[in-house]
C-alpha atoms as a PDB file:
ATOM      1  CA  UNK A   1      73.374  10.727 125.681  1.00  0.00           C
ATOM      2  CA  UNK A   2      75.603  12.551 122.732  1.00  0.00           C
ATOM      3  CA  UNK A   3      73.880  16.125 121.445  1.00  0.00           C
ATOM      4  CA  UNK A   4      71.707  15.800 118.491  1.00  0.00           C
ATOM      5  CA  UNK A   5      72.187  17.922 115.569  1.00  0.00           C
ATOM      6  CA  UNK A   6      69.192  19.060 113.907  1.00  0.00           C
ATOM      7  CA  UNK A   7      70.658  19.833 110.612  1.00  0.00           C
ATOM      8  CA  UNK A   8      71.259  16.222 109.566  1.00  0.00           C
ATOM      9  CA  UNK A   9      70.475  12.673 109.825  1.00  0.00           C
ATOM     10  CA  UNK A  10      71.898  10.753 113.058  1.00  0.00           C
ATOM     11  CA  UNK A  11      73.035   7.219 112.641  1.00  0.00           C
ATOM     12  CA  UNK A  12      71.406   4.922 114.568  1.00  0.00           C
ATOM     13  CA  UNK A  13      72.102   1.299 115.221  1.00  0.00           C
ATOM     14  CA  UNK A  14      70.425  -1.284 112.413  1.00  0.00           C
ATOM     15  CA  UNK A  15      66.674  -1.412 113.137  1.00  0.00           C
ATOM     16  CA  UNK A  16      66.748   1.751 114.531  1.00  0.00           C
ATOM     17  CA  UNK A  17      64.835   4.997 112.789  1.00  0.00           C
ATOM     18  CA  UNK A  18      67.123   8.193 112.052  1.00  0.00           C
ATOM     19  CA  UNK A  19      65.482  11.373 112.747  1.00  0.00           C
ATOM     20  CA  UNK A  20      66.684  15.009 111.754  1.00  0.00           C
ATOM     21  CA  UNK A  21      64.870  18.338 111.938  1.00  0.00           C
ATOM     22  CA  UNK A  22      62.927  19.700 109.241  1.00  0.00           C
ATOM     23  CA  UNK A  23      61.300  23.099 108.555  1.00  0.00           C
ATOM     24  CA  UNK A  24      58.951  22.479 105.937  1.00  0.00           C
ATOM     25  CA  UNK A  25      56.165  19.533 105.463  1.00  0.00           C
ATOM     26  CA  UNK A  26      56.077  16.913 102.897  1.00  0.00           C
ATOM     27  CA  UNK A  27      53.948  14.082 101.838  1.00  0.00           C
ATOM     28  CA  UNK A  28      54.489  11.447  99.074  1.00  0.00           C
ATOM     29  CA  UNK A  29      53.257   7.846  98.423  1.00  0.00           C
ATOM     30  CA  UNK A  30      55.378   4.829  97.212  1.00  0.00           C
ATOM     31  CA  UNK A  31      54.632   1.276  96.581  1.00  0.00           C
ATOM     32  CA  UNK A  32      57.395   0.441  99.149  1.00  0.00           C
ATOM     33  CA  UNK A  33      55.326   2.062 101.902  1.00  0.00           C
ATOM     34  CA  UNK A  34      53.630  -0.292 104.609  1.00  0.00           C
ATOM     35  CA  UNK A  35      50.770   1.170 106.607  1.00  0.00           C
ATOM     36  CA  UNK A  36      47.767  -0.857 108.591  1.00  0.00           C
ATOM     37  CA  UNK A  37      45.111   0.541 110.556  1.00  0.00           C
ATOM     38  CA  UNK A  38      44.158  -1.673 113.588  1.00  0.00           C
ATOM     39  CA  UNK A  39      40.906  -1.314 115.992  1.00  0.00           C
ATOM     40  CA  UNK A  40      41.101  -2.544 119.297  1.00  0.00           C
ATOM     41  CA  UNK A  41      38.515  -4.974 120.199  1.00  0.00           C
ATOM     42  CA  UNK A  42      38.152  -5.734 116.667  1.00  0.00           C
ATOM     43  CA  UNK A  43      41.440  -6.288 114.975  1.00  0.00           C
ATOM     44  CA  UNK A  44      43.401  -7.365 118.596  1.00  0.00           C
ATOM     45  CA  UNK A  45      42.840  -7.753 122.301  1.00  0.00           C
ATOM     46  CA  UNK A  46      39.368  -9.308 120.865  1.00  0.00           C
ATOM     47  CA  UNK A  47      38.677 -10.635 124.196  1.00  0.00           C
ATOM     48  CA  UNK A  48      39.337  -6.911 126.353  1.00  0.00           C
ATOM     49  CA  UNK A  49      35.667  -5.286 126.763  1.00  0.00           C
ATOM     50  CA  UNK A  50      37.844  -2.322 127.582  1.00  0.00           C
ATOM     51  CA  UNK A  51      39.357  -2.295 124.462  1.00  0.00           C
ATOM     52  CA  UNK A  52      35.957  -2.505 122.501  1.00  0.00           C
ATOM     53  CA  UNK A  53      34.282   0.170 124.477  1.00  0.00           C
ATOM     54  CA  UNK A  54      37.364   2.558 123.782  1.00  0.00           C
ATOM     55  CA  UNK A  55      37.546   2.096 120.152  1.00  0.00           C
ATOM     56  CA  UNK A  56      41.041   3.052 119.596  1.00  0.00           C
ATOM     57  CA  UNK A  57      43.364   2.910 116.309  1.00  0.00           C
ATOM     58  CA  UNK A  58      46.697   1.098 116.619  1.00  0.00           C
ATOM     59  CA  UNK A  59      48.917   2.112 113.473  1.00  0.00           C
ATOM     60  CA  UNK A  60      51.729  -0.078 111.650  1.00  0.00           C
ATOM     61  CA  UNK A  61      53.918   2.045 109.373  1.00  0.00           C
ATOM     62  CA  UNK A  62      57.176   0.688 107.434  1.00  0.00           C
ATOM     63  CA  UNK A  63      59.110   0.237 104.366  1.00  0.00           C
ATOM     64  CA  UNK A  64      58.236  -2.684 102.845  1.00  0.00           C
ATOM     65  CA  UNK A  65      61.419  -3.595 101.038  1.00  0.00           C
ATOM     66  CA  UNK A  66      63.858  -2.884 104.661  1.00  0.00           C
ATOM     67  CA  UNK A  67      61.251  -4.576 106.679  1.00  0.00           C
ATOM     68  CA  UNK A  68      61.435  -2.223 109.213  1.00  0.00           C
ATOM     69  CA  UNK A  69      58.480  -0.749 111.007  1.00  0.00           C
ATOM     70  CA  UNK A  70      56.911   1.160 113.625  1.00  0.00           C
ATOM     71  CA  UNK A  71      54.168   0.659 115.750  1.00  0.00           C
ATOM     72  CA  UNK A  72      51.870   4.247 116.670  1.00  0.00           C
ATOM     73  CA  UNK A  73      50.038   4.154 119.951  1.00  0.00           C
ATOM     74  CA  UNK A  74      50.711   0.410 121.183  1.00  0.00           C
ATOM     75  CA  UNK A  75      48.405  -0.521 124.021  1.00  0.00           C
ATOM     76  CA  UNK A  76      45.670  -3.424 124.998  1.00  0.00           C
ATOM     77  CA  UNK A  77      46.768  -6.498 123.239  1.00  0.00           C
ATOM     78  CA  UNK A  78      50.698  -5.833 122.638  1.00  0.00           C
ATOM     79  CA  UNK A  79      51.556  -9.445 121.933  1.00  0.00           C
ATOM     80  CA  UNK A  80      48.632  -9.585 119.350  1.00  0.00           C
ATOM     81  CA  UNK A  81      50.022  -6.495 117.759  1.00  0.00           C
ATOM     82  CA  UNK A  82      53.339  -7.799 117.375  1.00  0.00           C
ATOM     83  CA  UNK A  83      52.135 -10.738 115.915  1.00  0.00           C
ATOM     84  CA  UNK A  84      50.169  -9.133 113.216  1.00  0.00           C
ATOM     85  CA  UNK A  85      53.778  -7.535 112.432  1.00  0.00           C
ATOM     86  CA  UNK A  86      55.250 -10.764 112.503  1.00  0.00           C
ATOM     87  CA  UNK A  87      52.809 -12.319 110.122  1.00  0.00           C
ATOM     88  CA  UNK A  88      53.304  -9.694 107.661  1.00  0.00           C
ATOM     89  CA  UNK A  89      57.119 -10.209 107.923  1.00  0.00           C
ATOM     90  CA  UNK A  90      57.999  -6.747 109.445  1.00  0.00           C
ATOM     91  CA  UNK A  91      60.590  -5.986 111.941  1.00  0.00           C
ATOM     92  CA  UNK A  92      59.670  -3.373 114.957  1.00  0.00           C
ATOM     93  CA  UNK A  93      62.351  -0.649 115.111  1.00  0.00           C
ATOM     94  CA  UNK A  94      60.676   1.777 117.329  1.00  0.00           C
ATOM     95  CA  UNK A  95      57.283   3.056 118.688  1.00  0.00           C
ATOM     96  CA  UNK A  96      55.689   6.425 118.320  1.00  0.00           C
ATOM     97  CA  UNK A  97      53.689   7.698 120.965  1.00  0.00           C
ATOM     98  CA  UNK A  98      50.947  10.599 120.009  1.00  0.00           C
ATOM     99  CA  UNK A  99      50.657  11.330 123.568  1.00  0.00           C
ATOM    100  CA  UNK A 100      50.914   9.891 127.166  1.00  0.00           C
ATOM    101  CA  UNK A 101      47.069   8.901 128.159  1.00  0.00           C
ATOM    102  CA  UNK A 102      46.419   5.182 129.201  1.00  0.00           C
ATOM    103  CA  UNK A 103      44.615   3.958 126.144  1.00  0.00           C
ATOM    104  CA  UNK A 104      47.539   4.917 124.151  1.00  0.00           C
ATOM    105  CA  UNK A 105      50.895   4.141 125.663  1.00  0.00           C
ATOM    106  CA  UNK A 106      49.326   1.897 128.649  1.00  0.00           C
ATOM    107  CA  UNK A 107      48.862   2.103 132.228  1.00  0.00           C
ATOM    108  CA  UNK A 108      45.983   2.619 134.732  1.00  0.00           C
ATOM    109  CA  UNK A 109      42.517   3.973 133.981  1.00  0.00           C
ATOM    110  CA  UNK A 110      38.960   3.687 135.227  1.00  0.00           C
ATOM    111  CA  UNK A 111      40.205   1.210 137.652  1.00  0.00           C
ATOM    112  CA  UNK A 112      41.507  -0.752 134.941  1.00  0.00           C
ATOM    113  CA  UNK A 113      45.615  -1.763 133.716  1.00  0.00           C
ATOM    114  CA  UNK A 114      45.654  -1.675 130.280  1.00  0.00           C
ATOM    115  CA  UNK A 115      48.715  -2.935 128.717  1.00  0.00           C
ATOM    116  CA  UNK A 116      51.195  -0.866 126.793  1.00  0.00           C
ATOM    117  CA  UNK A 117      54.668   0.170 125.697  1.00  0.00           C
ATOM    118  CA  UNK A 118      56.007  -1.340 129.183  1.00  0.00           C
ATOM    119  CA  UNK A 119      54.481  -4.534 128.153  1.00  0.00           C
ATOM    120  CA  UNK A 120      55.641  -4.256 124.558  1.00  0.00           C
ATOM    121  CA  UNK A 121      59.448  -3.567 125.938  1.00  0.00           C
ATOM    122  CA  UNK A 122      59.350  -6.779 127.785  1.00  0.00           C
ATOM    123  CA  UNK A 123      58.745  -8.909 124.972  1.00  0.00           C
ATOM    124  CA  UNK A 124      60.821  -6.877 122.279  1.00  0.00           C
ATOM    125  CA  UNK A 125      63.291  -4.293 123.162  1.00  0.00           C
ATOM    126  CA  UNK A 126      62.805  -0.667 121.041  1.00  0.00           C
ATOM    127  CA  UNK A 127      62.782   2.745 121.866  1.00  0.00           C
ATOM    128  CA  UNK A 128      59.836   4.836 122.246  1.00  0.00           C
ATOM    129  CA  UNK A 129      59.434   7.865 120.491  1.00  0.00           C
ATOM    130  CA  UNK A 130      57.873  11.059 122.358  1.00  0.00           C
ATOM    131  CA  UNK A 131      57.781  14.913 122.255  1.00  0.00           C
ATOM    132  CA  UNK A 132      59.889  16.497 125.101  1.00  0.00           C
ATOM    133  CA  UNK A 133      56.860  17.957 126.704  1.00  0.00           C
ATOM    134  CA  UNK A 134      55.579  14.406 127.036  1.00  0.00           C
ATOM    135  CA  UNK A 135      57.948  12.487 127.792  1.00  0.00           C
ATOM    136  CA  UNK A 136      58.257  12.976 131.954  1.00  0.00           C
ATOM    137  CA  UNK A 137      54.449  12.155 131.396  1.00  0.00           C
ATOM    138  CA  UNK A 138      54.673   8.929 129.504  1.00  0.00           C
ATOM    139  CA  UNK A 139      57.074   7.378 132.068  1.00  0.00           C
ATOM    140  CA  UNK A 140      55.107   8.358 135.063  1.00  0.00           C
ATOM    141  CA  UNK A 141      52.158   6.835 133.150  1.00  0.00           C
ATOM    142  CA  UNK A 142      53.786   3.870 132.072  1.00  0.00           C
ATOM    143  CA  UNK A 143      56.554   3.252 134.868  1.00  0.00           C
ATOM    144  CA  UNK A 144      59.575   2.870 131.679  1.00  0.00           C
ATOM    145  CA  UNK A 145      62.520   5.148 131.755  1.00  0.00           C
ATOM    146  CA  UNK A 146      64.266   7.214 130.680  1.00  0.00           C
ATOM    147  CA  UNK A 147      66.615   5.002 128.670  1.00  0.00           C
ATOM    148  CA  UNK A 148      63.837   3.532 127.067  1.00  0.00           C
ATOM    149  CA  UNK A 149      62.615   6.982 125.296  1.00  0.00           C
ATOM    150  CA  UNK A 150      63.939   8.825 122.386  1.00  0.00           C
ATOM    151  CA  UNK A 151      62.984  12.223 122.924  1.00  0.00           C
ATOM    152  CA  UNK A 152      62.372  14.757 120.189  1.00  0.00           C
ATOM    153  CA  UNK A 153      61.845  18.313 119.232  1.00  0.00           C
ATOM    154  CA  UNK A 154      58.703  19.580 116.879  1.00  0.00           C
ATOM    155  CA  UNK A 155      59.732  19.301 113.669  1.00  0.00           C
ATOM    156  CA  UNK A 156      61.651  16.265 113.873  1.00  0.00           C
ATOM    157  CA  UNK A 157      61.760  13.562 111.192  1.00  0.00           C
ATOM    158  CA  UNK A 158      62.513  10.068 111.400  1.00  0.00           C
ATOM    159  CA  UNK A 159      63.192   7.310 109.097  1.00  0.00           C
ATOM    160  CA  UNK A 160      61.984   3.793 109.011  1.00  0.00           C
ATOM    161  CA  UNK A 161      63.538   1.942 106.560  1.00  0.00           C
ATOM    162  CA  UNK A 162      63.822   4.660 103.840  1.00  0.00           C
ATOM    163  CA  UNK A 163      60.052   6.209 104.636  1.00  0.00           C
ATOM    164  CA  UNK A 164      60.317   9.169 106.187  1.00  0.00           C
ATOM    165  CA  UNK A 165      57.929  10.176 108.836  1.00  0.00           C
ATOM    166  CA  UNK A 166      58.025  13.815 109.995  1.00  0.00           C
ATOM    167  CA  UNK A 167      56.615  14.581 113.937  1.00  0.00           C
ATOM    168  CA  UNK A 168      54.372  17.451 114.294  1.00  0.00           C
ATOM    169  CA  UNK A 169      53.976  18.598 117.795  1.00  0.00           C
ATOM    170  CA  UNK A 170      50.334  19.508 118.383  1.00  0.00           C
ATOM    171  CA  UNK A 171      49.788  20.445 122.171  1.00  0.00           C
ATOM    172  CA  UNK A 172      46.367  21.099 123.342  1.00  0.00           C
ATOM    173  CA  UNK A 173      44.853  17.924 124.376  1.00  0.00           C
ATOM    174  CA  UNK A 174      48.224  17.198 126.148  1.00  0.00           C
ATOM    175  CA  UNK A 175      51.429  19.602 126.302  1.00  0.00           C
ATOM    176  CA  UNK A 176      53.483  17.095 123.877  1.00  0.00           C
ATOM    177  CA  UNK A 177      51.145  15.689 121.677  1.00  0.00           C
ATOM    178  CA  UNK A 178      52.459  14.506 118.348  1.00  0.00           C
ATOM    179  CA  UNK A 179      51.086  13.933 114.769  1.00  0.00           C
ATOM    180  CA  UNK A 180      52.497  11.928 112.464  1.00  0.00           C
ATOM    181  CA  UNK A 181      52.901  12.810 108.420  1.00  0.00           C
ATOM    182  CA  UNK A 182      53.859  10.045 106.208  1.00  0.00           C
ATOM    183  CA  UNK A 183      53.753   9.409 102.630  1.00  0.00           C
ATOM    184  CA  UNK A 184      50.168  10.955 102.031  1.00  0.00           C
ATOM    185  CA  UNK A 185      49.208  10.277 105.134  1.00  0.00           C
ATOM    186  CA  UNK A 186      48.215  11.864 108.933  1.00  0.00           C
ATOM    187  CA  UNK A 187      48.255   9.749 111.826  1.00  0.00           C
ATOM    188  CA  UNK A 188      46.577  12.274 114.121  1.00  0.00           C
ATOM    189  CA  UNK A 189      46.118  10.159 117.733  1.00  0.00           C
ATOM    190  CA  UNK A 190      43.740  12.563 119.638  1.00  0.00           C
ATOM    191  CA  UNK A 191      44.515  15.789 117.968  1.00  0.00           C
ATOM    192  CA  UNK A 192      41.857  15.715 115.270  1.00  0.00           C
ATOM    193  CA  UNK A 193      39.035  13.524 114.603  1.00  0.00           C
ATOM    194  CA  UNK A 194      37.283  13.507 111.453  1.00  0.00           C
ATOM    195  CA  UNK A 195      34.363  14.972 113.800  1.00  0.00           C
ATOM    196  CA  UNK A 196      35.807  17.191 116.565  1.00  0.00           C
ATOM    197  CA  UNK A 197      39.033  17.100 118.488  1.00  0.00           C
ATOM    198  CA  UNK A 198      40.945  15.965 121.380  1.00  0.00           C
ATOM    199  CA  UNK A 199      39.331  16.847 124.967  1.00  0.00           C
ATOM    200  CA  UNK A 200      40.851  20.312 126.229  1.00  0.00           C
ATOM    201  CA  UNK A 201      39.147  20.308 129.321  1.00  0.00           C
ATOM    202  CA  UNK A 202      41.207  17.187 131.143  1.00  0.00           C
ATOM    203  CA  UNK A 203      44.784  17.936 133.433  1.00  0.00           C
ATOM    204  CA  UNK A 204      47.292  19.211 131.270  1.00  0.00           C
ATOM    205  CA  UNK A 205      45.163  20.485 128.333  1.00  0.00           C
ATOM    206  CA  UNK A 206      45.306  23.926 126.958  1.00  0.00           C
ATOM    207  CA  UNK A 207      41.981  25.128 124.254  1.00  0.00           C
ATOM    208  CA  UNK A 208      44.020  27.714 123.040  1.00  0.00           C
ATOM    209  CA  UNK A 209      47.318  25.174 121.967  1.00  0.00           C
ATOM    210  CA  UNK A 210      44.644  23.248 120.471  1.00  0.00           C
ATOM    211  CA  UNK A 211      43.528  26.200 118.127  1.00  0.00           C
ATOM    212  CA  UNK A 212      47.142  26.843 117.240  1.00  0.00           C
ATOM    213  CA  UNK A 213      47.623  23.088 116.517  1.00  0.00           C
ATOM    214  CA  UNK A 214      44.698  22.812 114.397  1.00  0.00           C
ATOM    215  CA  UNK A 215      44.399  25.905 112.664  1.00  0.00           C
ATOM    216  CA  UNK A 216      48.219  26.547 112.232  1.00  0.00           C
ATOM    217  CA  UNK A 217      50.067  23.432 112.585  1.00  0.00           C
ATOM    218  CA  UNK A 218      47.989  21.247 110.503  1.00  0.00           C
ATOM    219  CA  UNK A 219      47.057  24.125 108.522  1.00  0.00           C
ATOM    220  CA  UNK A 220      49.998  23.246 106.284  1.00  0.00           C
ATOM    221  CA  UNK A 221      49.004  19.645 105.643  1.00  0.00           C
ATOM    222  CA  UNK A 222      47.768  19.339 102.202  1.00  0.00           C
ATOM    223  CA  UNK A 223      43.940  18.715 101.438  1.00  0.00           C
ATOM    224  CA  UNK A 224      44.730  15.618  99.651  1.00  0.00           C
ATOM    225  CA  UNK A 225      46.510  14.219 102.830  1.00  0.00           C
ATOM    226  CA  UNK A 226      44.679  11.277 104.235  1.00  0.00           C
ATOM    227  CA  UNK A 227      43.762  11.738 108.079  1.00  0.00           C
ATOM    228  CA  UNK A 228      43.888   8.650 110.231  1.00  0.00           C
ATOM    229  CA  UNK A 229      42.641   9.412 114.090  1.00  0.00           C
ATOM    230  CA  UNK A 230      43.185   8.003 116.885  1.00  0.00           C
ATOM    231  CA  UNK A 231      39.846   6.450 117.779  1.00  0.00           C
ATOM    232  CA  UNK A 232      36.809   5.800 116.036  1.00  0.00           C
ATOM    233  CA  UNK A 233      34.360   8.143 116.783  1.00  0.00           C
ATOM    234  CA  UNK A 234      32.470   8.460 113.352  1.00  0.00           C
ATOM    235  CA  UNK A 235      30.952   5.979 111.127  1.00  0.00           C
ATOM    236  CA  UNK A 236      34.236   6.121 108.884  1.00  0.00           C
ATOM    237  CA  UNK A 237      37.591   5.625 109.906  1.00  0.00           C
ATOM    238  CA  UNK A 238      39.721   7.990 107.477  1.00  0.00           C
ATOM    239  CA  UNK A 239      38.995  10.806 105.266  1.00  0.00           C
ATOM    240  CA  UNK A 240      40.862  13.587 103.432  1.00  0.00           C
ATOM    241  CA  UNK A 241      41.932  16.558 105.233  1.00  0.00           C
ATOM    242  CA  UNK A 242      40.309  18.680 102.774  1.00  0.00           C
ATOM    243  CA  UNK A 243      37.254  17.038 103.330  1.00  0.00           C
ATOM    244  CA  UNK A 244      37.984  17.159 107.209  1.00  0.00           C
ATOM    245  CA  UNK A 245      38.075  20.790 106.363  1.00  0.00           C
ATOM    246  CA  UNK A 246      34.783  21.242 105.173  1.00  0.00           C
ATOM    247  CA  UNK A 247      32.969  18.861 107.672  1.00  0.00           C
ATOM    248  CA  UNK A 248      34.305  19.043 110.952  1.00  0.00           C
ATOM    249  CA  UNK A 249      33.188  21.962 113.111  1.00  0.00           C
ATOM    250  CA  UNK A 250      36.393  22.623 114.810  1.00  0.00           C
ATOM    251  CA  UNK A 251      37.454  24.413 111.696  1.00  0.00           C
ATOM    252  CA  UNK A 252      34.425  26.738 111.621  1.00  0.00           C
ATOM    253  CA  UNK A 253      36.223  29.229 113.982  1.00  0.00           C
ATOM    254  CA  UNK A 254      37.279  32.169 112.302  1.00  0.00           C
ATOM    255  CA  UNK A 255      39.731  33.447 114.802  1.00  0.00           C
ATOM    256  CA  UNK A 256      41.378  32.349 118.445  1.00  0.00           C
ATOM    257  CA  UNK A 257      38.384  34.289 120.257  1.00  0.00           C
ATOM    258  CA  UNK A 258      35.803  32.467 118.332  1.00  0.00           C
ATOM    259  CA  UNK A 259      37.658  29.133 119.121  1.00  0.00           C
ATOM    260  CA  UNK A 260      37.868  30.138 122.918  1.00  0.00           C
ATOM    261  CA  UNK A 261      33.887  31.112 122.828  1.00  0.00           C
ATOM    262  CA  UNK A 262      33.469  27.400 121.400  1.00  0.00           C
ATOM    263  CA  UNK A 263      36.113  25.318 123.520  1.00  0.00           C
ATOM    264  CA  UNK A 264      37.581  27.615 125.966  1.00  0.00           C
ATOM    265  CA  UNK A 265      34.868  26.586 128.826  1.00  0.00           C
END
């Protein structure tokens, strides 16, 4: 792989996102922004009881003018997800993985085999965008190869068509968890839910890192940004960051010491 520059956009093949390093967070909206929130067991994988039980959200993000789109966390019925993209007239140009857990990228979980990125690549060749800290874990769980991955550093940005997506490294739930800031929305994976946050008692999780991710990295995200989580763990499927900061108990601790008393056990 050729060395990457973090100061300018990198030219890729047609239908592949571009990426660069940015030091500030921006979020704007435009008419060309394509965005869909899909619920497992309801919008796809409708005959999969595991998909319905886990209530995962999959997101489609793209540019309506260029027709390029990426899928965030494709798991369960990947052919169904690709079918939705096709019916919308969009072309797959990449996959964004929030973290390596099987209910987000596929693999084995609780004795079940979940479809994910490996099966998607069999149907449609593309790149899987991951944080560097998550790359080996994604490969281990899904059995994809180095050549299937596009590895990123914190603060990288990709372009889907002309729509920029900032990749925010938010460790805590896993070492390489990432959130995606795009056009006034924050797709947060399992870092932040409307109520609570991702578990920090699992292998590879880190309660202190989660505190920093929520109280420092995500503190730069404006209040009017709309949060879209990785699971439907609450009645509502989205909320503004301002409302989430008011209502979600994970924002109550005033210090890392208080946070660790609540979440560090």
